[in-house]
C-alpha atoms as a PDB file:
ATOM      1  CA  UNK A   1      27.168 -13.419  13.607  1.00  0.00           C
ATOM      2  CA  UNK A   2      28.245 -16.912  15.002  1.00  0.00           C
ATOM      3  CA  UNK A   3      24.971 -16.837  17.020  1.00  0.00           C
ATOM      4  CA  UNK A   4      22.895 -16.494  13.706  1.00  0.00           C
ATOM      5  CA  UNK A   5      21.599 -13.124  14.663  1.00  0.00           C
ATOM      6  CA  UNK A   6      23.401 -11.009  12.183  1.00  0.00           C
ATOM      7  CA  UNK A   7      24.408 -12.115   8.647  1.00  0.00           C
ATOM      8  CA  UNK A   8      26.333 -10.341   6.065  1.00  0.00           C
ATOM      9  CA  UNK A   9      24.775  -9.052   2.725  1.00  0.00           C
ATOM     10  CA  UNK A  10      27.906  -8.957   0.741  1.00  0.00           C
ATOM     11  CA  UNK A  11      31.643  -8.496   0.936  1.00  0.00           C
ATOM     12  CA  UNK A  12      33.539  -5.706  -0.219  1.00  0.00           C
ATOM     13  CA  UNK A  13      36.412  -5.936  -3.090  1.00  0.00           C
ATOM     14  CA  UNK A  14      39.100  -6.007  -0.272  1.00  0.00           C
ATOM     15  CA  UNK A  15      37.056  -8.698   1.788  1.00  0.00           C
ATOM     16  CA  UNK A  16      35.483  -6.996   4.134  1.00  0.00           C
ATOM     17  CA  UNK A  17      32.105  -7.905   5.307  1.00  0.00           C
ATOM     18  CA  UNK A  18      29.116  -5.602   4.469  1.00  0.00           C
ATOM     19  CA  UNK A  19      25.548  -5.275   6.147  1.00  0.00           C
ATOM     20  CA  UNK A  20      22.416  -3.637   5.355  1.00  0.00           C
ATOM     21  CA  UNK A  21      21.253  -0.890   7.756  1.00  0.00           C
ATOM     22  CA  UNK A  22      17.925  -3.027   8.438  1.00  0.00           C
ATOM     23  CA  UNK A  23      20.134  -5.923   9.669  1.00  0.00           C
ATOM     24  CA  UNK A  24      22.160  -3.927  11.900  1.00  0.00           C
ATOM     25  CA  UNK A  25      18.970  -2.129  13.157  1.00  0.00           C
ATOM     26  CA  UNK A  26      17.500  -5.403  13.983  1.00  0.00           C
ATOM     27  CA  UNK A  27      20.656  -6.542  16.090  1.00  0.00           C
ATOM     28  CA  UNK A  28      20.482  -3.131  17.879  1.00  0.00           C
ATOM     29  CA  UNK A  29      16.991  -4.307  19.354  1.00  0.00           C
ATOM     30  CA  UNK A  30      18.327  -7.368  20.622  1.00  0.00           C
ATOM     31  CA  UNK A  31      18.524  -7.435  24.466  1.00  0.00           C
ATOM     32  CA  UNK A  32      22.161  -7.335  24.809  1.00  0.00           C
ATOM     33  CA  UNK A  33      24.563  -5.583  27.220  1.00  0.00           C
ATOM     34  CA  UNK A  34      25.989  -3.098  24.577  1.00  0.00           C
ATOM     35  CA  UNK A  35      28.041  -1.029  27.151  1.00  0.00           C
ATOM     36  CA  UNK A  36      29.824  -4.210  28.508  1.00  0.00           C
ATOM     37  CA  UNK A  37      30.890  -5.011  24.795  1.00  0.00           C
ATOM     38  CA  UNK A  38      32.072  -1.263  24.380  1.00  0.00           C
ATOM     39  CA  UNK A  39      34.066  -1.632  27.476  1.00  0.00           C
ATOM     40  CA  UNK A  40      35.827  -4.960  26.603  1.00  0.00           C
ATOM     41  CA  UNK A  41      39.431  -5.310  25.612  1.00  0.00           C
ATOM     42  CA  UNK A  42      39.638  -5.777  22.179  1.00  0.00           C
ATOM     43  CA  UNK A  43      42.491  -8.261  22.620  1.00  0.00           C
ATOM     44  CA  UNK A  44      40.184 -10.728  24.724  1.00  0.00           C
ATOM     45  CA  UNK A  45      37.348 -12.837  23.818  1.00  0.00           C
ATOM     46  CA  UNK A  46      33.983 -11.192  23.298  1.00  0.00           C
ATOM     47  CA  UNK A  47      31.965 -10.948  26.416  1.00  0.00           C
ATOM     48  CA  UNK A  48      29.181 -12.300  23.772  1.00  0.00           C
ATOM     49  CA  UNK A  49      30.731 -15.408  22.513  1.00  0.00           C
ATOM     50  CA  UNK A  50      28.368 -17.631  24.717  1.00  0.00           C
ATOM     51  CA  UNK A  51      25.616 -16.378  22.351  1.00  0.00           C
ATOM     52  CA  UNK A  52      26.760 -18.914  19.827  1.00  0.00           C
ATOM     53  CA  UNK A  53      26.583 -21.833  22.315  1.00  0.00           C
ATOM     54  CA  UNK A  54      29.110 -23.439  24.891  1.00  0.00           C
ATOM     55  CA  UNK A  55      32.707 -23.223  23.751  1.00  0.00           C
ATOM     56  CA  UNK A  56      33.264 -26.863  24.313  1.00  0.00           C
ATOM     57  CA  UNK A  57      30.761 -27.630  21.625  1.00  0.00           C
ATOM     58  CA  UNK A  58      32.325 -25.402  18.989  1.00  0.00           C
ATOM     59  CA  UNK A  59      35.653 -27.102  20.013  1.00  0.00           C
ATOM     60  CA  UNK A  60      34.261 -30.624  19.662  1.00  0.00           C
ATOM     61  CA  UNK A  61      32.912 -29.434  16.052  1.00  0.00           C
ATOM     62  CA  UNK A  62      36.083 -28.223  14.696  1.00  0.00           C
ATOM     63  CA  UNK A  63      37.869 -31.302  16.049  1.00  0.00           C
ATOM     64  CA  UNK A  64      35.309 -33.372  14.147  1.00  0.00           C
ATOM     65  CA  UNK A  65      36.096 -31.682  11.085  1.00  0.00           C
ATOM     66  CA  UNK A  66      39.788 -32.105  11.262  1.00  0.00           C
ATOM     67  CA  UNK A  67      39.286 -35.825  12.115  1.00  0.00           C
ATOM     68  CA  UNK A  68      36.831 -36.083   9.002  1.00  0.00           C
ATOM     69  CA  UNK A  69      39.623 -34.722   6.819  1.00  0.00           C
ATOM     70  CA  UNK A  70      42.228 -36.723   8.021  1.00  0.00           C
ATOM     71  CA  UNK A  71      39.980 -39.953   7.284  1.00  0.00           C
ATOM     72  CA  UNK A  72      39.780 -38.619   3.837  1.00  0.00           C
ATOM     73  CA  UNK A  73      43.402 -38.749   3.529  1.00  0.00           C
ATOM     74  CA  UNK A  74      44.199 -34.950   4.198  1.00  0.00           C
ATOM     75  CA  UNK A  75      46.677 -33.982   6.750  1.00  0.00           C
ATOM     76  CA  UNK A  76      44.516 -31.586   8.768  1.00  0.00           C
ATOM     77  CA  UNK A  77      44.920 -30.167  12.083  1.00  0.00           C
ATOM     78  CA  UNK A  78      43.350 -27.238  14.267  1.00  0.00           C
ATOM     79  CA  UNK A  79      44.962 -24.808  16.841  1.00  0.00           C
ATOM     80  CA  UNK A  80      42.926 -22.445  19.168  1.00  0.00           C
ATOM     81  CA  UNK A  81      44.204 -18.984  20.401  1.00  0.00           C
ATOM     82  CA  UNK A  82      42.739 -18.133  23.663  1.00  0.00           C
ATOM     83  CA  UNK A  83      43.784 -14.481  23.218  1.00  0.00           C
ATOM     84  CA  UNK A  84      41.169 -13.854  20.583  1.00  0.00           C
ATOM     85  CA  UNK A  85      38.938 -16.623  21.142  1.00  0.00           C
ATOM     86  CA  UNK A  86      39.403 -18.032  17.439  1.00  0.00           C
ATOM     87  CA  UNK A  87      40.192 -21.633  15.779  1.00  0.00           C
ATOM     88  CA  UNK A  88      42.355 -21.984  12.980  1.00  0.00           C
ATOM     89  CA  UNK A  89      41.773 -25.019  10.769  1.00  0.00           C
ATOM     90  CA  UNK A  90      44.850 -25.846   8.350  1.00  0.00           C
ATOM     91  CA  UNK A  91      45.464 -28.813   6.197  1.00  0.00           C
ATOM     92  CA  UNK A  92      48.275 -29.806   3.578  1.00  0.00           C
ATOM     93  CA  UNK A  93      47.469 -29.948   0.120  1.00  0.00           C
ATOM     94  CA  UNK A  94      47.300 -33.377  -1.467  1.00  0.00           C
ATOM     95  CA  UNK A  95      50.052 -34.275  -4.056  1.00  0.00           C
ATOM     96  CA  UNK A  96      47.242 -34.002  -6.691  1.00  0.00           C
ATOM     97  CA  UNK A  97      46.191 -30.585  -5.131  1.00  0.00           C
ATOM     98  CA  UNK A  98      43.324 -29.289  -2.910  1.00  0.00           C
ATOM     99  CA  UNK A  99      41.002 -29.509  -1.176  1.00  0.00           C
ATOM    100  CA  UNK A 100      40.477 -26.021  -1.399  1.00  0.00           C
ATOM    101  CA  UNK A 101      38.937 -23.653   1.211  1.00  0.00           C
ATOM    102  CA  UNK A 102      35.214 -23.658  -0.399  1.00  0.00           C
ATOM    103  CA  UNK A 103      35.380 -27.535  -0.630  1.00  0.00           C
ATOM    104  CA  UNK A 104      36.270 -27.567   3.411  1.00  0.00           C
ATOM    105  CA  UNK A 105      33.858 -25.216   4.244  1.00  0.00           C
ATOM    106  CA  UNK A 106      31.118 -27.230   2.435  1.00  0.00           C
ATOM    107  CA  UNK A 107      32.059 -29.892   4.962  1.00  0.00           C
ATOM    108  CA  UNK A 108      31.272 -27.755   8.251  1.00  0.00           C
ATOM    109  CA  UNK A 109      27.972 -27.714  10.229  1.00  0.00           C
ATOM    110  CA  UNK A 110      26.172 -24.519  10.262  1.00  0.00           C
ATOM    111  CA  UNK A 111      27.482 -23.382  13.263  1.00  0.00           C
ATOM    112  CA  UNK A 112      30.667 -23.406  12.246  1.00  0.00           C
ATOM    113  CA  UNK A 113      30.012 -21.814   8.787  1.00  0.00           C
ATOM    114  CA  UNK A 114      28.567 -18.652  11.084  1.00  0.00           C
ATOM    115  CA  UNK A 115      31.943 -19.071  12.714  1.00  0.00           C
ATOM    116  CA  UNK A 116      33.847 -18.547   9.763  1.00  0.00           C
ATOM    117  CA  UNK A 117      31.673 -15.737   8.681  1.00  0.00           C
ATOM    118  CA  UNK A 118      32.312 -14.340  12.170  1.00  0.00           C
ATOM    119  CA  UNK A 119      36.097 -14.722  11.748  1.00  0.00           C
ATOM    120  CA  UNK A 120      36.025 -17.004  14.817  1.00  0.00           C
ATOM    121  CA  UNK A 121      36.988 -19.782  12.656  1.00  0.00           C
ATOM    122  CA  UNK A 122      39.926 -19.255  10.243  1.00  0.00           C
ATOM    123  CA  UNK A 123      40.149 -21.876   7.225  1.00  0.00           C
ATOM    124  CA  UNK A 124      43.793 -21.799   6.230  1.00  0.00           C
ATOM    125  CA  UNK A 125      45.719 -19.516   8.317  1.00  0.00           C
ATOM    126  CA  UNK A 126      49.342 -18.146   7.056  1.00  0.00           C
ATOM    127  CA  UNK A 127      50.881 -21.651   7.539  1.00  0.00           C
ATOM    128  CA  UNK A 128      48.252 -23.197   5.477  1.00  0.00           C
ATOM    129  CA  UNK A 129      47.927 -20.675   2.661  1.00  0.00           C
ATOM    130  CA  UNK A 130      51.672 -21.042   2.358  1.00  0.00           C
ATOM    131  CA  UNK A 131      51.472 -24.591   1.935  1.00  0.00           C
ATOM    132  CA  UNK A 132      48.948 -24.462  -0.718  1.00  0.00           C
ATOM    133  CA  UNK A 133      50.706 -21.394  -2.339  1.00  0.00           C
ATOM    134  CA  UNK A 134      53.824 -23.689  -2.732  1.00  0.00           C
ATOM    135  CA  UNK A 135      51.949 -26.585  -4.186  1.00  0.00           C
ATOM    136  CA  UNK A 136      50.603 -24.054  -7.001  1.00  0.00           C
ATOM    137  CA  UNK A 137      54.305 -22.751  -7.607  1.00  0.00           C
ATOM    138  CA  UNK A 138      55.757 -26.465  -8.187  1.00  0.00           C
ATOM    139  CA  UNK A 139      53.167 -27.090 -10.962  1.00  0.00           C
ATOM    140  CA  UNK A 140      54.420 -27.177 -14.690  1.00  0.00           C
ATOM    141  CA  UNK A 141      55.050 -23.923 -16.234  1.00  0.00           C
ATOM    142  CA  UNK A 142      53.994 -21.627 -13.142  1.00  0.00           C
ATOM    143  CA  UNK A 143      57.136 -20.419 -11.715  1.00  0.00           C
ATOM    144  CA  UNK A 144      60.527 -20.123 -11.713  1.00  0.00           C
ATOM    145  CA  UNK A 145      63.589 -19.556  -9.306  1.00  0.00           C
ATOM    146  CA  UNK A 146      66.080 -16.704  -9.755  1.00  0.00           C
ATOM    147  CA  UNK A 147      69.215 -15.781  -7.988  1.00  0.00           C
ATOM    148  CA  UNK A 148      71.829 -13.029  -8.692  1.00  0.00           C
ATOM    149  CA  UNK A 149      75.255 -12.232  -7.520  1.00  0.00           C
ATOM    150  CA  UNK A 150      76.393  -8.519  -7.624  1.00  0.00           C
ATOM    151  CA  UNK A 151      79.233  -6.287  -6.984  1.00  0.00           C
ATOM    152  CA  UNK A 152      77.626  -5.109  -3.586  1.00  0.00           C
ATOM    153  CA  UNK A 153      74.234  -4.329  -1.838  1.00  0.00           C
ATOM    154  CA  UNK A 154      73.799  -0.833  -2.943  1.00  0.00           C
ATOM    155  CA  UNK A 155      71.609   0.612  -5.689  1.00  0.00           C
ATOM    156  CA  UNK A 156      74.333   1.332  -7.698  1.00  0.00           C
ATOM    157  CA  UNK A 157      76.025  -2.100  -7.901  1.00  0.00           C
ATOM    158  CA  UNK A 158      75.953  -4.507 -10.770  1.00  0.00           C
ATOM    159  CA  UNK A 159      75.116  -7.961 -11.795  1.00  0.00           C
ATOM    160  CA  UNK A 160      77.798 -10.019 -12.080  1.00  0.00           C
ATOM    161  CA  UNK A 161      76.116 -13.595 -12.275  1.00  0.00           C
ATOM    162  CA  UNK A 162      72.443 -14.718 -12.935  1.00  0.00           C
ATOM    163  CA  UNK A 163      70.922 -18.111 -12.654  1.00  0.00           C
ATOM    164  CA  UNK A 164      67.178 -19.367 -13.060  1.00  0.00           C
ATOM    165  CA  UNK A 165      65.564 -22.929 -12.566  1.00  0.00           C
ATOM    166  CA  UNK A 166      62.374 -24.160 -13.459  1.00  0.00           C
ATOM    167  CA  UNK A 167      60.531 -24.373 -10.232  1.00  0.00           C
ATOM    168  CA  UNK A 168      58.687 -27.589 -11.283  1.00  0.00           C
ATOM    169  CA  UNK A 169      61.554 -29.765 -12.076  1.00  0.00           C
ATOM    170  CA  UNK A 170      64.710 -28.053 -11.226  1.00  0.00           C
ATOM    171  CA  UNK A 171      65.962 -27.699 -15.058  1.00  0.00           C
ATOM    172  CA  UNK A 172      68.325 -24.623 -15.637  1.00  0.00           C
ATOM    173  CA  UNK A 173      66.931 -22.022 -17.635  1.00  0.00           C
ATOM    174  CA  UNK A 174      69.739 -19.649 -17.136  1.00  0.00           C
ATOM    175  CA  UNK A 175      73.120 -19.835 -15.664  1.00  0.00           C
ATOM    176  CA  UNK A 176      75.996 -17.265 -16.630  1.00  0.00           C
ATOM    177  CA  UNK A 177      78.348 -14.858 -15.652  1.00  0.00           C
ATOM    178  CA  UNK A 178      77.778 -11.124 -16.387  1.00  0.00           C
ATOM    179  CA  UNK A 179      80.516  -8.504 -17.071  1.00  0.00           C
ATOM    180  CA  UNK A 180      79.613  -5.730 -14.895  1.00  0.00           C
ATOM    181  CA  UNK A 181      80.389  -2.845 -17.368  1.00  0.00           C
ATOM    182  CA  UNK A 182      83.472  -0.937 -18.331  1.00  0.00           C
ATOM    183  CA  UNK A 183      85.595   0.344 -15.461  1.00  0.00           C
ATOM    184  CA  UNK A 184      83.419  -1.301 -12.889  1.00  0.00           C
ATOM    185  CA  UNK A 185      85.186  -3.972 -10.887  1.00  0.00           C
ATOM    186  CA  UNK A 186      84.247  -6.396  -8.340  1.00  0.00           C
ATOM    187  CA  UNK A 187      85.141  -5.266  -4.517  1.00  0.00           C
ATOM    188  CA  UNK A 188      87.295  -7.625  -2.759  1.00  0.00           C
ATOM    189  CA  UNK A 189      84.451  -7.633   0.073  1.00  0.00           C
ATOM    190  CA  UNK A 190      82.124  -8.917  -2.427  1.00  0.00           C
ATOM    191  CA  UNK A 191      84.623 -11.454  -4.094  1.00  0.00           C
ATOM    192  CA  UNK A 192      84.890 -13.046  -0.545  1.00  0.00           C
ATOM    193  CA  UNK A 193      81.214 -13.903  -0.530  1.00  0.00           C
ATOM    194  CA  UNK A 194      80.516 -15.284  -4.023  1.00  0.00           C
ATOM    195  CA  UNK A 195      84.080 -16.247  -5.126  1.00  0.00           C
ATOM    196  CA  UNK A 196      83.700 -14.259  -8.538  1.00  0.00           C
ATOM    197  CA  UNK A 197      86.535 -12.239  -9.502  1.00  0.00           C
ATOM    198  CA  UNK A 198      87.241  -9.674 -12.047  1.00  0.00           C
ATOM    199  CA  UNK A 199      89.345 -12.293 -14.145  1.00  0.00           C
ATOM    200  CA  UNK A 200      86.359 -14.377 -14.218  1.00  0.00           C
ATOM    201  CA  UNK A 201      84.132 -11.783 -15.817  1.00  0.00           C
ATOM    202  CA  UNK A 202      86.590 -10.132 -18.055  1.00  0.00           C
ATOM    203  CA  UNK A 203      85.066 -12.274 -21.166  1.00  0.00           C
ATOM    204  CA  UNK A 204      81.681 -12.431 -19.924  1.00  0.00           C
ATOM    205  CA  UNK A 205      78.897 -10.802 -21.900  1.00  0.00           C
ATOM    206  CA  UNK A 206      77.408  -7.547 -20.633  1.00  0.00           C
ATOM    207  CA  UNK A 207      73.966  -7.009 -19.095  1.00  0.00           C
ATOM    208  CA  UNK A 208      72.547  -5.636 -22.023  1.00  0.00           C
ATOM    209  CA  UNK A 209      72.980  -8.944 -23.834  1.00  0.00           C
ATOM    210  CA  UNK A 210      72.247 -11.150 -20.921  1.00  0.00           C
ATOM    211  CA  UNK A 211      68.819  -9.582 -19.929  1.00  0.00           C
ATOM    212  CA  UNK A 212      67.073 -10.417 -23.011  1.00  0.00           C
ATOM    213  CA  UNK A 213      67.935 -14.233 -22.504  1.00  0.00           C
ATOM    214  CA  UNK A 214      66.824 -14.023 -18.907  1.00  0.00           C
ATOM    215  CA  UNK A 215      63.477 -12.591 -19.807  1.00  0.00           C
ATOM    216  CA  UNK A 216      63.067 -14.977 -22.796  1.00  0.00           C
ATOM    217  CA  UNK A 217      63.920 -17.810 -20.399  1.00  0.00           C
ATOM    218  CA  UNK A 218      61.445 -16.555 -17.568  1.00  0.00           C
ATOM    219  CA  UNK A 219      58.553 -15.764 -19.918  1.00  0.00           C
ATOM    220  CA  UNK A 220      55.287 -15.322 -17.943  1.00  0.00           C
ATOM    221  CA  UNK A 221      56.195 -17.391 -14.932  1.00  0.00           C
ATOM    222  CA  UNK A 222      56.009 -16.139 -11.418  1.00  0.00           C
ATOM    223  CA  UNK A 223      59.706 -15.101 -10.397  1.00  0.00           C
ATOM    224  CA  UNK A 224      60.428 -16.536  -7.000  1.00  0.00           C
ATOM    225  CA  UNK A 225      63.688 -15.555  -5.267  1.00  0.00           C
ATOM    226  CA  UNK A 226      64.767 -15.857  -1.706  1.00  0.00           C
ATOM    227  CA  UNK A 227      65.161 -11.839  -1.182  1.00  0.00           C
ATOM    228  CA  UNK A 228      63.099 -11.111  -4.143  1.00  0.00           C
ATOM    229  CA  UNK A 229      63.075  -7.253  -3.213  1.00  0.00           C
ATOM    230  CA  UNK A 230      66.884  -7.634  -3.716  1.00  0.00           C
ATOM    231  CA  UNK A 231      67.069  -9.451  -6.903  1.00  0.00           C
ATOM    232  CA  UNK A 232      64.495  -7.009  -8.407  1.00  0.00           C
ATOM    233  CA  UNK A 233      66.219  -4.050  -7.356  1.00  0.00           C
ATOM    234  CA  UNK A 234      69.751  -5.171  -8.771  1.00  0.00           C
ATOM    235  CA  UNK A 235      68.175  -6.447 -11.986  1.00  0.00           C
ATOM    236  CA  UNK A 236      66.269  -3.287 -12.586  1.00  0.00           C
ATOM    237  CA  UNK A 237      68.854  -0.871 -11.396  1.00  0.00           C
ATOM    238  CA  UNK A 238      71.848  -2.343 -13.794  1.00  0.00           C
ATOM    239  CA  UNK A 239      69.282  -2.238 -16.328  1.00  0.00           C
ATOM    240  CA  UNK A 240      68.437   1.200 -16.063  1.00  0.00           C
ATOM    241  CA  UNK A 241      72.149   2.066 -15.931  1.00  0.00           C
ATOM    242  CA  UNK A 242      73.214   0.579 -19.420  1.00  0.00           C
ATOM    243  CA  UNK A 243      69.732   1.764 -20.824  1.00  0.00           C
ATOM    244  CA  UNK A 244      68.370  -1.831 -21.072  1.00  0.00           C
ATOM    245  CA  UNK A 245      64.574  -2.858 -20.656  1.00  0.00           C
ATOM    246  CA  UNK A 246      63.993  -5.146 -17.649  1.00  0.00           C
ATOM    247  CA  UNK A 247      60.562  -5.925 -19.135  1.00  0.00           C
ATOM    248  CA  UNK A 248      58.200  -7.417 -16.898  1.00  0.00           C
ATOM    249  CA  UNK A 249      60.805  -7.702 -14.133  1.00  0.00           C
ATOM    250  CA  UNK A 250      60.068  -4.211 -13.403  1.00  0.00           C
ATOM    251  CA  UNK A 251      56.708  -5.245 -11.823  1.00  0.00           C
ATOM    252  CA  UNK A 252      56.366  -6.118  -8.221  1.00  0.00           C
ATOM    253  CA  UNK A 253      53.547  -8.309  -9.208  1.00  0.00           C
ATOM    254  CA  UNK A 254      55.866 -10.504 -11.373  1.00  0.00           C
ATOM    255  CA  UNK A 255      57.723 -11.613  -8.071  1.00  0.00           C
ATOM    256  CA  UNK A 256      57.088 -13.555  -5.155  1.00  0.00           C
ATOM    257  CA  UNK A 257      59.593 -13.752  -2.060  1.00  0.00           C
ATOM    258  CA  UNK A 258      60.409 -17.079  -0.715  1.00  0.00           C
ATOM    259  CA  UNK A 259      61.980 -15.489   2.586  1.00  0.00           C
ATOM    260  CA  UNK A 260      58.726 -14.074   3.635  1.00  0.00           C
ATOM    261  CA  UNK A 261      56.749 -17.230   2.842  1.00  0.00           C
ATOM    262  CA  UNK A 262      59.159 -19.397   4.607  1.00  0.00           C
ATOM    263  CA  UNK A 263      58.589 -17.024   7.722  1.00  0.00           C
ATOM    264  CA  UNK A 264      55.021 -17.344   7.205  1.00  0.00           C
ATOM    265  CA  UNK A 265      55.436 -21.219   7.268  1.00  0.00           C
ATOM    266  CA  UNK A 266      57.394 -21.245  10.441  1.00  0.00           C
ATOM    267  CA  UNK A 267      55.087 -18.516  12.117  1.00  0.00           C
ATOM    268  CA  UNK A 268      57.715 -16.192  12.736  1.00  0.00           C
ATOM    269  CA  UNK A 269      58.876 -12.613  11.454  1.00  0.00           C
ATOM    270  CA  UNK A 270      62.415 -13.517  11.730  1.00  0.00           C
ATOM    271  CA  UNK A 271      64.323 -12.950   8.337  1.00  0.00           C
ATOM    272  CA  UNK A 272      66.336 -16.165   8.209  1.00  0.00           C
ATOM    273  CA  UNK A 273      69.162 -16.841   5.819  1.00  0.00           C
ATOM    274  CA  UNK A 274      68.806 -19.358   2.930  1.00  0.00           C
ATOM    275  CA  UNK A 275      72.049 -21.082   3.692  1.00  0.00           C
ATOM    276  CA  UNK A 276      73.145 -21.390   0.298  1.00  0.00           C
ATOM    277  CA  UNK A 277      76.882 -20.934  -1.216  1.00  0.00           C
ATOM    278  CA  UNK A 278      76.479 -17.739  -2.653  1.00  0.00           C
ATOM    279  CA  UNK A 279      76.544 -18.573  -6.357  1.00  0.00           C
ATOM    280  CA  UNK A 280      73.956 -18.037  -8.474  1.00  0.00           C
ATOM    281  CA  UNK A 281      73.036 -21.355  -9.631  1.00  0.00           C
ATOM    282  CA  UNK A 282      73.534 -22.935  -6.304  1.00  0.00           C
ATOM    283  CA  UNK A 283      71.521 -20.484  -4.402  1.00  0.00           C
ATOM    284  CA  UNK A 284      68.757 -20.738  -6.936  1.00  0.00           C
ATOM    285  CA  UNK A 285      68.677 -24.611  -6.535  1.00  0.00           C
ATOM    286  CA  UNK A 286      68.824 -24.265  -2.825  1.00  0.00           C
ATOM    287  CA  UNK A 287      65.668 -21.954  -2.803  1.00  0.00           C
ATOM    288  CA  UNK A 288      63.829 -24.346  -5.019  1.00  0.00           C
ATOM    289  CA  UNK A 289      64.667 -27.065  -2.490  1.00  0.00           C
ATOM    290  CA  UNK A 290      63.398 -24.962   0.004  1.00  0.00           C
ATOM    291  CA  UNK A 291      60.062 -24.224  -2.079  1.00  0.00           C
ATOM    292  CA  UNK A 292      59.466 -28.073  -1.988  1.00  0.00           C
ATOM    293  CA  UNK A 293      59.824 -28.139   1.661  1.00  0.00           C
ATOM    294  CA  UNK A 294      57.321 -25.320   2.278  1.00  0.00           C
ATOM    295  CA  UNK A 295      54.625 -27.643   0.357  1.00  0.00           C
ATOM    296  CA  UNK A 296      54.745 -30.052   3.590  1.00  0.00           C
ATOM    297  CA  UNK A 297      53.572 -29.479   7.263  1.00  0.00           C
ATOM    298  CA  UNK A 298      56.000 -27.609   9.232  1.00  0.00           C
ATOM    299  CA  UNK A 299      57.501 -29.231  12.502  1.00  0.00           C
ATOM    300  CA  UNK A 300      56.074 -26.638  14.691  1.00  0.00           C
ATOM    301  CA  UNK A 301      52.683 -27.736  13.802  1.00  0.00           C
ATOM    302  CA  UNK A 302      53.235 -31.301  14.855  1.00  0.00           C
ATOM    303  CA  UNK A 303      51.638 -32.863  17.853  1.00  0.00           C
ATOM    304  CA  UNK A 304      53.823 -32.829  20.746  1.00  0.00           C
ATOM    305  CA  UNK A 305      54.591 -36.665  22.395  1.00  0.00           C
ATOM    306  CA  UNK A 306      51.643 -37.398  24.352  1.00  0.00           C
ATOM    307  CA  UNK A 307      53.837 -37.553  27.606  1.00  0.00           C
ATOM    308  CA  UNK A 308      54.895 -34.139  26.914  1.00  0.00           C
ATOM    309  CA  UNK A 309      51.662 -32.494  25.994  1.00  0.00           C
ATOM    310  CA  UNK A 310      50.239 -30.734  29.189  1.00  0.00           C
ATOM    311  CA  UNK A 311      46.517 -32.100  29.754  1.00  0.00           C
ATOM    312  CA  UNK A 312      45.180 -28.607  30.487  1.00  0.00           C
ATOM    313  CA  UNK A 313      46.444 -26.654  27.463  1.00  0.00           C
ATOM    314  CA  UNK A 314      45.002 -26.631  23.968  1.00  0.00           C
ATOM    315  CA  UNK A 315      47.363 -28.119  21.365  1.00  0.00           C
ATOM    316  CA  UNK A 316      47.737 -28.575  17.670  1.00  0.00           C
ATOM    317  CA  UNK A 317      45.593 -31.646  16.601  1.00  0.00           C
END
């Protein structure tokens, strides 16, 4: 594909490339070493990669596009993986948003357009996608950040505090203690974590009264939480136990997980702690601060000081 011998006819709804039988028949007629390709390690660069031209030429073209974006005021950088013979071009969103992927693709020379179609050049990898996602979440009316404190971590535990803030400006939408229900007490182990005691929630409203307020405050915004699976499970589970309607908070599509996005931004699979103080409002605000950080370029993509960078190894640039 990068050499221009094969072009996709379309993409499936899942994004997979689709080809006509006639196009594939044409490629089968090319004088290519098919057996060498079949024997090749799928984890290593293709034995046909030189069909598209010298690697050094492609590398120079990628660097030139990154430099052109930087000259336009866009913080752009590229990184090469020798394992899969693939470049990734990332760029930070401008404060006003963009440029989007299609705008950058329009800047590419023909060879790099073919490299994108052949998945040898990725426009916006996990880091870049996370940054642009964070920028969208920080726009007015788009998202809110929510956190709950509970009597424990199990499915039958109850919410004892809930808070939500506007992702755009940090304004408080909800901040209230919740009575866990008749006969339900807060275990000492949970109180040691968040500091909320039975005495503090004795006069608080029940979840059946608080949940409608939460739904009204959230509205149709995307709901962000640091560990969204936990917050959703506790909210929906408590609602079910008291016969309340959790509304759109029942749907996984209403939620986005900041913890997962943070791991993508840092290029790691590690589940990192938020570092908040385990009170609902404080943790919601800490999560919003994290969201603001995710809009910027992460430290691990910054170029190393020139005297520390080995001359022979590709680096982010």
